[in-house]
Amino acid sequence: MVTPETSDERVKKLDELSTGFLYAVSSSSTTGANKNMSDVKAYLQRLRGLDLKNPVLVGFGIRDKQSFNDACQYANGAIIGTAFIKALGTSVSIEKSVKQFMDGILG
């Protein structure tokens, strides 16, 4: 995990030691909080400019189709946590809820 406060040197070291992907926490606030992705654009562009070997996935504040698409403009992908768990929490059918949630994000 890296944050906007993580130095370039530390990001590069974490990238060197990692396999899979780097999780870019979108801000220093808590997960699930409402965020405007334009606030983190410069941070994600900074990470992109570091020529990292691992893809960068952004998380925290990704909650719907718009925030997912916004995040994917500046990163290799996005992680939805809290909104997904909330969608499952009110469900009688997990399979139906997962499909409905994913259709809402990708459809």
PDB file of N, CA and C in Angstrom:
ATOM      1  N   MET A   1       0.840  -1.179   0.000  1.00  0.00           N
ATOM      2  CA  MET A   1       0.000   0.000   0.000  1.00  0.00           C
ATOM      3  C   MET A   1       0.886   1.244   0.000  1.00  0.00           C
ATOM      4  N   VAL A   2       0.491   2.182  -0.843  1.00  0.00           N
ATOM      5  CA  VAL A   2       1.147   3.480  -0.856  1.00  0.00           C
ATOM      6  C   VAL A   2       0.073   4.552  -0.712  1.00  0.00           C
ATOM      7  N   THR A   3       0.472   5.690  -0.205  1.00  0.00           N
ATOM      8  CA  THR A   3      -0.442   6.814   0.010  1.00  0.00           C
ATOM      9  C   THR A   3       0.122   8.050  -0.675  1.00  0.00           C
ATOM     10  N   PRO A   4      -0.673   9.116  -0.732  1.00  0.00           N
ATOM     11  CA  PRO A   4      -0.143  10.351  -1.310  1.00  0.00           C
ATOM     12  C   PRO A   4       1.094  10.868  -0.577  1.00  0.00           C
ATOM     13  N   GLU A   5       1.267  10.491   0.684  1.00  0.00           N
ATOM     14  CA  GLU A   5       2.410  10.943   1.469  1.00  0.00           C
ATOM     15  C   GLU A   5       3.644  10.066   1.299  1.00  0.00           C
ATOM     16  N   THR A   6       3.510   8.921   0.635  1.00  0.00           N
ATOM     17  CA  THR A   6       4.648   8.020   0.441  1.00  0.00           C
ATOM     18  C   THR A   6       5.629   8.656  -0.540  1.00  0.00           C
ATOM     19  N   SER A   7       6.896   8.720  -0.144  1.00  0.00           N
ATOM     20  CA  SER A   7       7.904   9.345  -1.008  1.00  0.00           C
ATOM     21  C   SER A   7       8.129   8.497  -2.263  1.00  0.00           C
ATOM     22  N   ASP A   8       8.611   9.144  -3.313  1.00  0.00           N
ATOM     23  CA  ASP A   8       8.911   8.435  -4.556  1.00  0.00           C
ATOM     24  C   ASP A   8       9.911   7.313  -4.315  1.00  0.00           C
ATOM     25  N   GLU A   9      10.901   7.561  -3.483  1.00  0.00           N
ATOM     26  CA  GLU A   9      11.918   6.557  -3.197  1.00  0.00           C
ATOM     27  C   GLU A   9      11.295   5.328  -2.543  1.00  0.00           C
ATOM     28  N   ARG A  10      10.392   5.552  -1.604  1.00  0.00           N
ATOM     29  CA  ARG A  10       9.740   4.429  -0.914  1.00  0.00           C
ATOM     30  C   ARG A  10       8.799   3.687  -1.866  1.00  0.00           C
ATOM     31  N   VAL A  11       8.076   4.421  -2.717  1.00  0.00           N
ATOM     32  CA  VAL A  11       7.205   3.773  -3.699  1.00  0.00           C
ATOM     33  C   VAL A  11       8.030   2.860  -4.594  1.00  0.00           C
ATOM     34  N   LYS A  12       9.165   3.350  -5.070  1.00  0.00           N
ATOM     35  CA  LYS A  12      10.027   2.547  -5.940  1.00  0.00           C
ATOM     36  C   LYS A  12      10.550   1.305  -5.209  1.00  0.00           C
ATOM     37  N   LYS A  13      10.892   1.456  -3.937  1.00  0.00           N
ATOM     38  CA  LYS A  13      11.383   0.314  -3.154  1.00  0.00           C
ATOM     39  C   LYS A  13      10.266  -0.716  -2.957  1.00  0.00           C
ATOM     40  N   LEU A  14       9.069  -0.248  -2.628  1.00  0.00           N
ATOM     41  CA  LEU A  14       7.931  -1.150  -2.468  1.00  0.00           C
ATOM     42  C   LEU A  14       7.618  -1.866  -3.780  1.00  0.00           C
ATOM     43  N   ASP A  15       7.701  -1.146  -4.874  1.00  0.00           N
ATOM     44  CA  ASP A  15       7.471  -1.734  -6.189  1.00  0.00           C
ATOM     45  C   ASP A  15       8.506  -2.812  -6.483  1.00  0.00           C
ATOM     46  N   GLU A  16       9.747  -2.524  -6.153  1.00  0.00           N
ATOM     47  CA  GLU A  16      10.837  -3.479  -6.377  1.00  0.00           C
ATOM     48  C   GLU A  16      10.629  -4.769  -5.580  1.00  0.00           C
ATOM     49  N   LEU A  17      10.118  -4.646  -4.358  1.00  0.00           N
ATOM     50  CA  LEU A  17       9.944  -5.797  -3.469  1.00  0.00           C
ATOM     51  C   LEU A  17       8.625  -6.536  -3.691  1.00  0.00           C
ATOM     52  N   SER A  18       7.743  -5.962  -4.471  1.00  0.00           N
ATOM     53  CA  SER A  18       6.391  -6.498  -4.622  1.00  0.00           C
ATOM     54  C   SER A  18       6.202  -7.279  -5.910  1.00  0.00           C
ATOM     55  N   THR A  19       5.190  -8.122  -5.877  1.00  0.00           N
ATOM     56  CA  THR A  19       4.692  -8.778  -7.085  1.00  0.00           C
ATOM     57  C   THR A  19       3.180  -8.607  -7.100  1.00  0.00           C
ATOM     58  N   GLY A  20       2.604  -8.604  -8.253  1.00  0.00           N
ATOM     59  CA  GLY A  20       1.154  -8.452  -8.344  1.00  0.00           C
ATOM     60  C   GLY A  20       0.762  -7.034  -8.693  1.00  0.00           C
ATOM     61  N   PHE A  21       0.540  -6.193  -7.672  1.00  0.00           N
ATOM     62  CA  PHE A  21       0.167  -4.802  -7.897  1.00  0.00           C
ATOM     63  C   PHE A  21       0.472  -3.969  -6.668  1.00  0.00           C
ATOM     64  N   LEU A  22       0.525  -2.658  -6.860  1.00  0.00           N
ATOM     65  CA  LEU A  22       0.613  -1.717  -5.741  1.00  0.00           C
ATOM     66  C   LEU A  22      -0.790  -1.173  -5.491  1.00  0.00           C
ATOM     67  N   TYR A  23      -1.185  -1.176  -4.238  1.00  0.00           N
ATOM     68  CA  TYR A  23      -2.473  -0.624  -3.832  1.00  0.00           C
ATOM     69  C   TYR A  23      -2.247   0.843  -3.485  1.00  0.00           C
ATOM     70  N   ALA A  24      -2.782   1.726  -4.310  1.00  0.00           N
ATOM     71  CA  ALA A  24      -2.656   3.165  -4.076  1.00  0.00           C
ATOM     72  C   ALA A  24      -3.869   3.640  -3.290  1.00  0.00           C
ATOM     73  N   VAL A  25      -3.659   3.914  -2.023  1.00  0.00           N
ATOM     74  CA  VAL A  25      -4.723   4.475  -1.191  1.00  0.00           C
ATOM     75  C   VAL A  25      -4.957   5.893  -1.694  1.00  0.00           C
ATOM     76  N   SER A  26      -6.205   6.204  -2.038  1.00  0.00           N
ATOM     77  CA  SER A  26      -6.482   7.469  -2.717  1.00  0.00           C
ATOM     78  C   SER A  26      -6.235   8.707  -1.866  1.00  0.00           C
ATOM     79  N   SER A  27      -6.317   8.555  -0.544  1.00  0.00           N
ATOM     80  CA  SER A  27      -6.072   9.705   0.339  1.00  0.00           C
ATOM     81  C   SER A  27      -5.790   9.200   1.742  1.00  0.00           C
ATOM     82  N   SER A  28      -5.533  10.107   2.629  1.00  0.00           N
ATOM     83  CA  SER A  28      -5.235   9.745   4.011  1.00  0.00           C
ATOM     84  C   SER A  28      -6.492   9.582   4.860  1.00  0.00           C
ATOM     85  N   SER A  29      -7.667   9.759   4.287  1.00  0.00           N
ATOM     86  CA  SER A  29      -8.897   9.610   5.064  1.00  0.00           C
ATOM     87  C   SER A  29      -9.321   8.149   5.094  1.00  0.00           C
ATOM     88  N   THR A  30     -10.448   7.881   5.710  1.00  0.00           N
ATOM     89  CA  THR A  30     -10.894   6.505   5.885  1.00  0.00           C
ATOM     90  C   THR A  30     -11.549   5.945   4.639  1.00  0.00           C
ATOM     91  N   THR A  31     -11.613   4.630   4.586  1.00  0.00           N
ATOM     92  CA  THR A  31     -12.240   3.938   3.464  1.00  0.00           C
ATOM     93  C   THR A  31     -13.730   4.236   3.424  1.00  0.00           C
ATOM     94  N   GLY A  32     -14.270   4.227   2.216  1.00  0.00           N
ATOM     95  CA  GLY A  32     -15.695   4.439   2.053  1.00  0.00           C
ATOM     96  C   GLY A  32     -16.113   5.894   2.061  1.00  0.00           C
ATOM     97  N   ALA A  33     -15.198   6.792   2.364  1.00  0.00           N
ATOM     98  CA  ALA A  33     -15.545   8.212   2.390  1.00  0.00           C
ATOM     99  C   ALA A  33     -15.760   8.727   0.978  1.00  0.00           C
ATOM    100  N   ASN A  34     -16.627   9.709   0.858  1.00  0.00           N
ATOM    101  CA  ASN A  34     -16.861  10.303  -0.456  1.00  0.00           C
ATOM    102  C   ASN A  34     -15.659  11.142  -0.841  1.00  0.00           C
ATOM    103  N   LYS A  35     -15.162  10.906  -2.052  1.00  0.00           N
ATOM    104  CA  LYS A  35     -14.006  11.635  -2.545  1.00  0.00           C
ATOM    105  C   LYS A  35     -14.270  12.061  -3.973  1.00  0.00           C
ATOM    106  N   ASN A  36     -13.647  13.128  -4.369  1.00  0.00           N
ATOM    107  CA  ASN A  36     -13.661  13.547  -5.750  1.00  0.00           C
ATOM    108  C   ASN A  36     -12.348  13.067  -6.357  1.00  0.00           C
ATOM    109  N   MET A  37     -12.420  12.202  -7.376  1.00  0.00           N
ATOM    110  CA  MET A  37     -11.205  11.621  -7.936  1.00  0.00           C
ATOM    111  C   MET A  37     -10.277  12.681  -8.508  1.00  0.00           C
ATOM    112  N   SER A  38     -10.799  13.841  -8.860  1.00  0.00           N
ATOM    113  CA  SER A  38      -9.910  14.883  -9.366  1.00  0.00           C
ATOM    114  C   SER A  38      -8.927  15.339  -8.295  1.00  0.00           C
ATOM    115  N   ASP A  39      -9.282  15.138  -7.021  1.00  0.00           N
ATOM    116  CA  ASP A  39      -8.386  15.491  -5.929  1.00  0.00           C
ATOM    117  C   ASP A  39      -7.145  14.592  -5.883  1.00  0.00           C
ATOM    118  N   VAL A  40      -7.244  13.400  -6.426  1.00  0.00           N
ATOM    119  CA  VAL A  40      -6.114  12.470  -6.387  1.00  0.00           C
ATOM    120  C   VAL A  40      -5.447  12.291  -7.748  1.00  0.00           C
ATOM    121  N   LYS A  41      -5.902  13.033  -8.735  1.00  0.00           N
ATOM    122  CA  LYS A  41      -5.348  12.916 -10.096  1.00  0.00           C
ATOM    123  C   LYS A  41      -3.836  13.141 -10.108  1.00  0.00           C
ATOM    124  N   ALA A  42      -3.357  14.190  -9.486  1.00  0.00           N
ATOM    125  CA  ALA A  42      -1.915  14.498  -9.496  1.00  0.00           C
ATOM    126  C   ALA A  42      -1.112  13.387  -8.823  1.00  0.00           C
ATOM    127  N   TYR A  43      -1.631  12.849  -7.741  1.00  0.00           N
ATOM    128  CA  TYR A  43      -0.966  11.744  -7.025  1.00  0.00           C
ATOM    129  C   TYR A  43      -0.833  10.524  -7.927  1.00  0.00           C
ATOM    130  N   LEU A  44      -1.920  10.149  -8.586  1.00  0.00           N
ATOM    131  CA  LEU A  44      -1.875   8.973  -9.464  1.00  0.00           C
ATOM    132  C   LEU A  44      -1.005   9.220 -10.688  1.00  0.00           C
ATOM    133  N   GLN A  45      -1.013  10.436 -11.195  1.00  0.00           N
ATOM    134  CA  GLN A  45      -0.126  10.763 -12.310  1.00  0.00           C
ATOM    135  C   GLN A  45       1.342  10.707 -11.869  1.00  0.00           C
ATOM    136  N   ARG A  46       1.604  11.107 -10.638  1.00  0.00           N
ATOM    137  CA  ARG A  46       2.968  11.003 -10.093  1.00  0.00           C
ATOM    138  C   ARG A  46       3.405   9.551 -10.061  1.00  0.00           C
ATOM    139  N   LEU A  47       2.531   8.661  -9.586  1.00  0.00           N
ATOM    140  CA  LEU A  47       2.857   7.235  -9.551  1.00  0.00           C
ATOM    141  C   LEU A  47       3.090   6.699 -10.959  1.00  0.00           C
ATOM    142  N   ARG A  48       2.253   7.108 -11.887  1.00  0.00           N
ATOM    143  CA  ARG A  48       2.403   6.662 -13.274  1.00  0.00           C
ATOM    144  C   ARG A  48       3.760   7.088 -13.836  1.00  0.00           C
ATOM    145  N   GLY A  49       4.217   8.246 -13.453  1.00  0.00           N
ATOM    146  CA  GLY A  49       5.486   8.780 -13.939  1.00  0.00           C
ATOM    147  C   GLY A  49       6.719   8.099 -13.362  1.00  0.00           C
ATOM    148  N   LEU A  50       6.530   7.220 -12.364  1.00  0.00           N
ATOM    149  CA  LEU A  50       7.664   6.556 -11.727  1.00  0.00           C
ATOM    150  C   LEU A  50       8.125   5.310 -12.488  1.00  0.00           C
ATOM    151  N   ASP A  51       7.442   4.962 -13.561  1.00  0.00           N
ATOM    152  CA  ASP A  51       7.822   3.806 -14.383  1.00  0.00           C
ATOM    153  C   ASP A  51       7.944   2.544 -13.536  1.00  0.00           C
ATOM    154  N   LEU A  52       6.874   2.218 -12.828  1.00  0.00           N
ATOM    155  CA  LEU A  52       6.846   1.078 -11.924  1.00  0.00           C
ATOM    156  C   LEU A  52       6.658  -0.223 -12.693  1.00  0.00           C
ATOM    157  N   LYS A  53       7.171  -1.327 -12.151  1.00  0.00           N
ATOM    158  CA  LYS A  53       7.025  -2.629 -12.812  1.00  0.00           C
ATOM    159  C   LYS A  53       5.654  -3.240 -12.559  1.00  0.00           C
ATOM    160  N   ASN A  54       5.056  -2.924 -11.425  1.00  0.00           N
ATOM    161  CA  ASN A  54       3.746  -3.465 -11.063  1.00  0.00           C
ATOM    162  C   ASN A  54       2.633  -2.495 -11.455  1.00  0.00           C
ATOM    163  N   PRO A  55       1.475  -3.034 -11.828  1.00  0.00           N
ATOM    164  CA  PRO A  55       0.335  -2.148 -12.070  1.00  0.00           C
ATOM    165  C   PRO A  55      -0.096  -1.471 -10.763  1.00  0.00           C
ATOM    166  N   VAL A  56      -0.714  -0.323 -10.895  1.00  0.00           N
ATOM    167  CA  VAL A  56      -1.212   0.438  -9.749  1.00  0.00           C
ATOM    168  C   VAL A  56      -2.734   0.366  -9.759  1.00  0.00           C
ATOM    169  N   LEU A  57      -3.297  -0.120  -8.645  1.00  0.00           N
ATOM    170  CA  LEU A  57      -4.741  -0.140  -8.461  1.00  0.00           C
ATOM    171  C   LEU A  57      -5.075   0.828  -7.338  1.00  0.00           C
ATOM    172  N   VAL A  58      -6.089   1.647  -7.543  1.00  0.00           N
ATOM    173  CA  VAL A  58      -6.443   2.652  -6.550  1.00  0.00           C
ATOM    174  C   VAL A  58      -7.677   2.199  -5.780  1.00  0.00           C
ATOM    175  N   GLY A  59      -7.664   2.480  -4.490  1.00  0.00           N
ATOM    176  CA  GLY A  59      -8.785   2.128  -3.629  1.00  0.00           C
ATOM    177  C   GLY A  59      -9.057   3.222  -2.619  1.00  0.00           C
ATOM    178  N   PHE A  60     -10.116   3.064  -1.883  1.00  0.00           N
ATOM    179  CA  PHE A  60     -10.649   4.011  -0.890  1.00  0.00           C
ATOM    180  C   PHE A  60     -11.443   5.078  -1.641  1.00  0.00           C
ATOM    181  N   GLY A  61     -12.737   5.080  -1.447  1.00  0.00           N
ATOM    182  CA  GLY A  61     -13.603   6.058  -2.087  1.00  0.00           C
ATOM    183  C   GLY A  61     -14.142   5.617  -3.438  1.00  0.00           C
ATOM    184  N   ILE A  62     -13.799   4.439  -3.883  1.00  0.00           N
ATOM    185  CA  ILE A  62     -14.329   3.917  -5.140  1.00  0.00           C
ATOM    186  C   ILE A  62     -15.626   3.198  -4.776  1.00  0.00           C
ATOM    187  N   ARG A  63     -16.752   3.724  -5.229  1.00  0.00           N
ATOM    188  CA  ARG A  63     -18.029   3.222  -4.725  1.00  0.00           C
ATOM    189  C   ARG A  63     -19.081   2.968  -5.783  1.00  0.00           C
ATOM    190  N   ASP A  64     -18.857   3.480  -7.006  1.00  0.00           N
ATOM    191  CA  ASP A  64     -19.882   3.354  -8.042  1.00  0.00           C
ATOM    192  C   ASP A  64     -19.223   3.432  -9.415  1.00  0.00           C
ATOM    193  N   LYS A  65     -20.053   3.361 -10.457  1.00  0.00           N
ATOM    194  CA  LYS A  65     -19.538   3.362 -11.826  1.00  0.00           C
ATOM    195  C   LYS A  65     -18.699   4.607 -12.110  1.00  0.00           C
ATOM    196  N   GLN A  66     -19.167   5.771 -11.687  1.00  0.00           N
ATOM    197  CA  GLN A  66     -18.455   7.021 -11.960  1.00  0.00           C
ATOM    198  C   GLN A  66     -17.092   7.055 -11.276  1.00  0.00           C
ATOM    199  N   SER A  67     -17.039   6.739  -9.990  1.00  0.00           N
ATOM    200  CA  SER A  67     -15.750   6.781  -9.287  1.00  0.00           C
ATOM    201  C   SER A  67     -14.816   5.682  -9.791  1.00  0.00           C
ATOM    202  N   PHE A  68     -15.365   4.533 -10.187  1.00  0.00           N
ATOM    203  CA  PHE A  68     -14.550   3.463 -10.768  1.00  0.00           C
ATOM    204  C   PHE A  68     -13.943   3.919 -12.089  1.00  0.00           C
ATOM    205  N   ASN A  69     -14.764   4.472 -12.964  1.00  0.00           N
ATOM    206  CA  ASN A  69     -14.269   4.950 -14.268  1.00  0.00           C
ATOM    207  C   ASN A  69     -13.270   6.082 -14.111  1.00  0.00           C
ATOM    208  N   ASP A  70     -13.534   7.001 -13.192  1.00  0.00           N
ATOM    209  CA  ASP A  70     -12.600   8.105 -12.937  1.00  0.00           C
ATOM    210  C   ASP A  70     -11.250   7.561 -12.484  1.00  0.00           C
ATOM    211  N   ALA A  71     -11.271   6.620 -11.553  1.00  0.00           N
ATOM    212  CA  ALA A  71     -10.026   6.049 -11.035  1.00  0.00           C
ATOM    213  C   ALA A  71      -9.251   5.336 -12.130  1.00  0.00           C
ATOM    214  N   CYS A  72      -9.950   4.622 -12.978  1.00  0.00           N
ATOM    215  CA  CYS A  72      -9.287   3.853 -14.032  1.00  0.00           C
ATOM    216  C   CYS A  72      -8.657   4.734 -15.107  1.00  0.00           C
ATOM    217  N   GLN A  73      -9.037   6.003 -15.160  1.00  0.00           N
ATOM    218  CA  GLN A  73      -8.393   6.937 -16.086  1.00  0.00           C
ATOM    219  C   GLN A  73      -6.949   7.193 -15.682  1.00  0.00           C
ATOM    220  N   TYR A  74      -6.646   7.071 -14.399  1.00  0.00           N
ATOM    221  CA  TYR A  74      -5.338   7.454 -13.875  1.00  0.00           C
ATOM    222  C   TYR A  74      -4.559   6.288 -13.272  1.00  0.00           C
ATOM    223  N   ALA A  75      -5.179   5.111 -13.218  1.00  0.00           N
ATOM    224  CA  ALA A  75      -4.520   3.929 -12.650  1.00  0.00           C
ATOM    225  C   ALA A  75      -4.841   2.735 -13.537  1.00  0.00           C
ATOM    226  N   ASN A  76      -4.209   1.624 -13.245  1.00  0.00           N
ATOM    227  CA  ASN A  76      -4.445   0.403 -14.026  1.00  0.00           C
ATOM    228  C   ASN A  76      -5.757  -0.282 -13.657  1.00  0.00           C
ATOM    229  N   GLY A  77      -6.364   0.158 -12.597  1.00  0.00           N
ATOM    230  CA  GLY A  77      -7.627  -0.408 -12.160  1.00  0.00           C
ATOM    231  C   GLY A  77      -8.023   0.169 -10.822  1.00  0.00           C
ATOM    232  N   ALA A  78      -9.144  -0.280 -10.301  1.00  0.00           N
ATOM    233  CA  ALA A  78      -9.652   0.249  -9.039  1.00  0.00           C
ATOM    234  C   ALA A  78     -10.207  -0.888  -8.191  1.00  0.00           C
ATOM    235  N   ILE A  79     -10.219  -0.664  -6.891  1.00  0.00           N
ATOM    236  CA  ILE A  79     -10.702  -1.648  -5.927  1.00  0.00           C
ATOM    237  C   ILE A  79     -11.899  -1.055  -5.201  1.00  0.00           C
ATOM    238  N   ILE A  80     -12.997  -1.791  -5.231  1.00  0.00           N
ATOM    239  CA  ILE A  80     -14.204  -1.368  -4.520  1.00  0.00           C
ATOM    240  C   ILE A  80     -14.369  -2.294  -3.330  1.00  0.00           C
ATOM    241  N   GLY A  81     -14.395  -1.747  -2.141  1.00  0.00           N
ATOM    242  CA  GLY A  81     -14.529  -2.556  -0.938  1.00  0.00           C
ATOM    243  C   GLY A  81     -15.824  -2.303  -0.196  1.00  0.00           C
ATOM    244  N   THR A  82     -15.914  -1.172   0.464  1.00  0.00           N
ATOM    245  CA  THR A  82     -17.034  -0.869   1.348  1.00  0.00           C
ATOM    246  C   THR A  82     -18.374  -0.920   0.621  1.00  0.00           C
ATOM    247  N   ALA A  83     -18.467  -0.323  -0.552  1.00  0.00           N
ATOM    248  CA  ALA A  83     -19.738  -0.308  -1.293  1.00  0.00           C
ATOM    249  C   ALA A  83     -20.161  -1.720  -1.678  1.00  0.00           C
ATOM    250  N   PHE A  84     -19.202  -2.557  -2.029  1.00  0.00           N
ATOM    251  CA  PHE A  84     -19.505  -3.941  -2.387  1.00  0.00           C
ATOM    252  C   PHE A  84     -20.020  -4.710  -1.177  1.00  0.00           C
ATOM    253  N   ILE A  85     -19.361  -4.563  -0.050  1.00  0.00           N
ATOM    254  CA  ILE A  85     -19.789  -5.249   1.182  1.00  0.00           C
ATOM    255  C   ILE A  85     -21.187  -4.786   1.590  1.00  0.00           C
ATOM    256  N   LYS A  86     -21.448  -3.494   1.475  1.00  0.00           N
ATOM    257  CA  LYS A  86     -22.784  -2.975   1.803  1.00  0.00           C
ATOM    258  C   LYS A  86     -23.837  -3.574   0.886  1.00  0.00           C
ATOM    259  N   ALA A  87     -23.524  -3.709  -0.407  1.00  0.00           N
ATOM    260  CA  ALA A  87     -24.475  -4.290  -1.354  1.00  0.00           C
ATOM    261  C   ALA A  87     -24.786  -5.737  -0.995  1.00  0.00           C
ATOM    262  N   LEU A  88     -23.800  -6.465  -0.520  1.00  0.00           N
ATOM    263  CA  LEU A  88     -24.022  -7.858  -0.134  1.00  0.00           C
ATOM    264  C   LEU A  88     -24.764  -7.977   1.192  1.00  0.00           C
ATOM    265  N   GLY A  89     -24.569  -6.991   2.056  1.00  0.00           N
ATOM    266  CA  GLY A  89     -25.151  -7.047   3.396  1.00  0.00           C
ATOM    267  C   GLY A  89     -26.660  -7.007   3.428  1.00  0.00           C
ATOM    268  N   THR A  90     -27.291  -6.497   2.409  1.00  0.00           N
ATOM    269  CA  THR A  90     -28.751  -6.386   2.379  1.00  0.00           C
ATOM    270  C   THR A  90     -29.383  -7.423   1.469  1.00  0.00           C
ATOM    271  N   SER A  91     -28.602  -8.398   1.058  1.00  0.00           N
ATOM    272  CA  SER A  91     -29.037  -9.335   0.035  1.00  0.00           C
ATOM    273  C   SER A  91     -29.557 -10.646   0.599  1.00  0.00           C
ATOM    274  N   VAL A  92     -30.549 -11.185  -0.093  1.00  0.00           N
ATOM    275  CA  VAL A  92     -31.014 -12.533   0.184  1.00  0.00           C
ATOM    276  C   VAL A  92     -30.228 -13.516  -0.685  1.00  0.00           C
ATOM    277  N   SER A  93     -29.894 -13.092  -1.899  1.00  0.00           N
ATOM    278  CA  SER A  93     -29.147 -13.924  -2.837  1.00  0.00           C
ATOM    279  C   SER A  93     -27.811 -13.258  -3.153  1.00  0.00           C
ATOM    280  N   ILE A  94     -26.723 -13.832  -2.675  1.00  0.00           N
ATOM    281  CA  ILE A  94     -25.402 -13.261  -2.920  1.00  0.00           C
ATOM    282  C   ILE A  94     -25.102 -13.233  -4.407  1.00  0.00           C
ATOM    283  N   GLU A  95     -25.408 -14.320  -5.102  1.00  0.00           N
ATOM    284  CA  GLU A  95     -25.124 -14.379  -6.545  1.00  0.00           C
ATOM    285  C   GLU A  95     -25.839 -13.261  -7.295  1.00  0.00           C
ATOM    286  N   LYS A  96     -27.106 -13.053  -6.985  1.00  0.00           N
ATOM    287  CA  LYS A  96     -27.887 -12.004  -7.641  1.00  0.00           C
ATOM    288  C   LYS A  96     -27.319 -10.621  -7.293  1.00  0.00           C
ATOM    289  N   SER A  97     -26.954 -10.423  -6.042  1.00  0.00           N
ATOM    290  CA  SER A  97     -26.412  -9.129  -5.610  1.00  0.00           C
ATOM    291  C   SER A  97     -25.070  -8.831  -6.261  1.00  0.00           C
ATOM    292  N   VAL A  98     -24.203  -9.852  -6.369  1.00  0.00           N
ATOM    293  CA  VAL A  98     -22.902  -9.655  -7.022  1.00  0.00           C
ATOM    294  C   VAL A  98     -23.115  -9.273  -8.476  1.00  0.00           C
ATOM    295  N   LYS A  99     -23.981 -10.005  -9.169  1.00  0.00           N
ATOM    296  CA  LYS A  99     -24.250  -9.705 -10.573  1.00  0.00           C
ATOM    297  C   LYS A  99     -24.822  -8.296 -10.727  1.00  0.00           C
ATOM    298  N   GLN A 100     -25.776  -7.946  -9.910  1.00  0.00           N
ATOM    299  CA  GLN A 100     -26.390  -6.625  -9.981  1.00  0.00           C
ATOM    300  C   GLN A 100     -25.354  -5.532  -9.707  1.00  0.00           C
ATOM    301  N   PHE A 101     -24.527  -5.735  -8.698  1.00  0.00           N
ATOM    302  CA  PHE A 101     -23.501  -4.750  -8.369  1.00  0.00           C
ATOM    303  C   PHE A 101     -22.514  -4.591  -9.519  1.00  0.00           C
ATOM    304  N   MET A 102     -22.035  -5.711 -10.042  1.00  0.00           N
ATOM    305  CA  MET A 102     -21.068  -5.671 -11.135  1.00  0.00           C
ATOM    306  C   MET A 102     -21.671  -5.072 -12.405  1.00  0.00           C
ATOM    307  N   ASP A 103     -22.913  -5.392 -12.694  1.00  0.00           N
ATOM    308  CA  ASP A 103     -23.583  -4.787 -13.846  1.00  0.00           C
ATOM    309  C   ASP A 103     -23.667  -3.273 -13.684  1.00  0.00           C
ATOM    310  N   GLY A 104     -23.889  -2.822 -12.462  1.00  0.00           N
ATOM    311  CA  GLY A 104     -23.950  -1.382 -12.199  1.00  0.00           C
ATOM    312  C   GLY A 104     -22.604  -0.695 -12.379  1.00  0.00           C
ATOM    313  N   ILE A 105     -21.525  -1.402 -12.125  1.00  0.00           N
ATOM    314  CA  ILE A 105     -20.185  -0.831 -12.272  1.00  0.00           C
ATOM    315  C   ILE A 105     -19.709  -0.929 -13.717  1.00  0.00           C
ATOM    316  N   LEU A 106     -19.856  -2.083 -14.312  1.00  0.00           N
ATOM    317  CA  LEU A 106     -19.293  -2.333 -15.644  1.00  0.00           C
ATOM    318  C   LEU A 106     -20.267  -2.118 -16.787  1.00  0.00           C
ATOM    319  N   GLY A 107     -21.563  -2.206 -16.479  1.00  0.00           N
ATOM    320  CA  GLY A 107     -22.575  -2.110 -17.530  1.00  0.00           C
ATOM    321  C   GLY A 107     -22.872  -0.737 -17.994  1.00  0.00           C
TER     322      GLY A 107
END
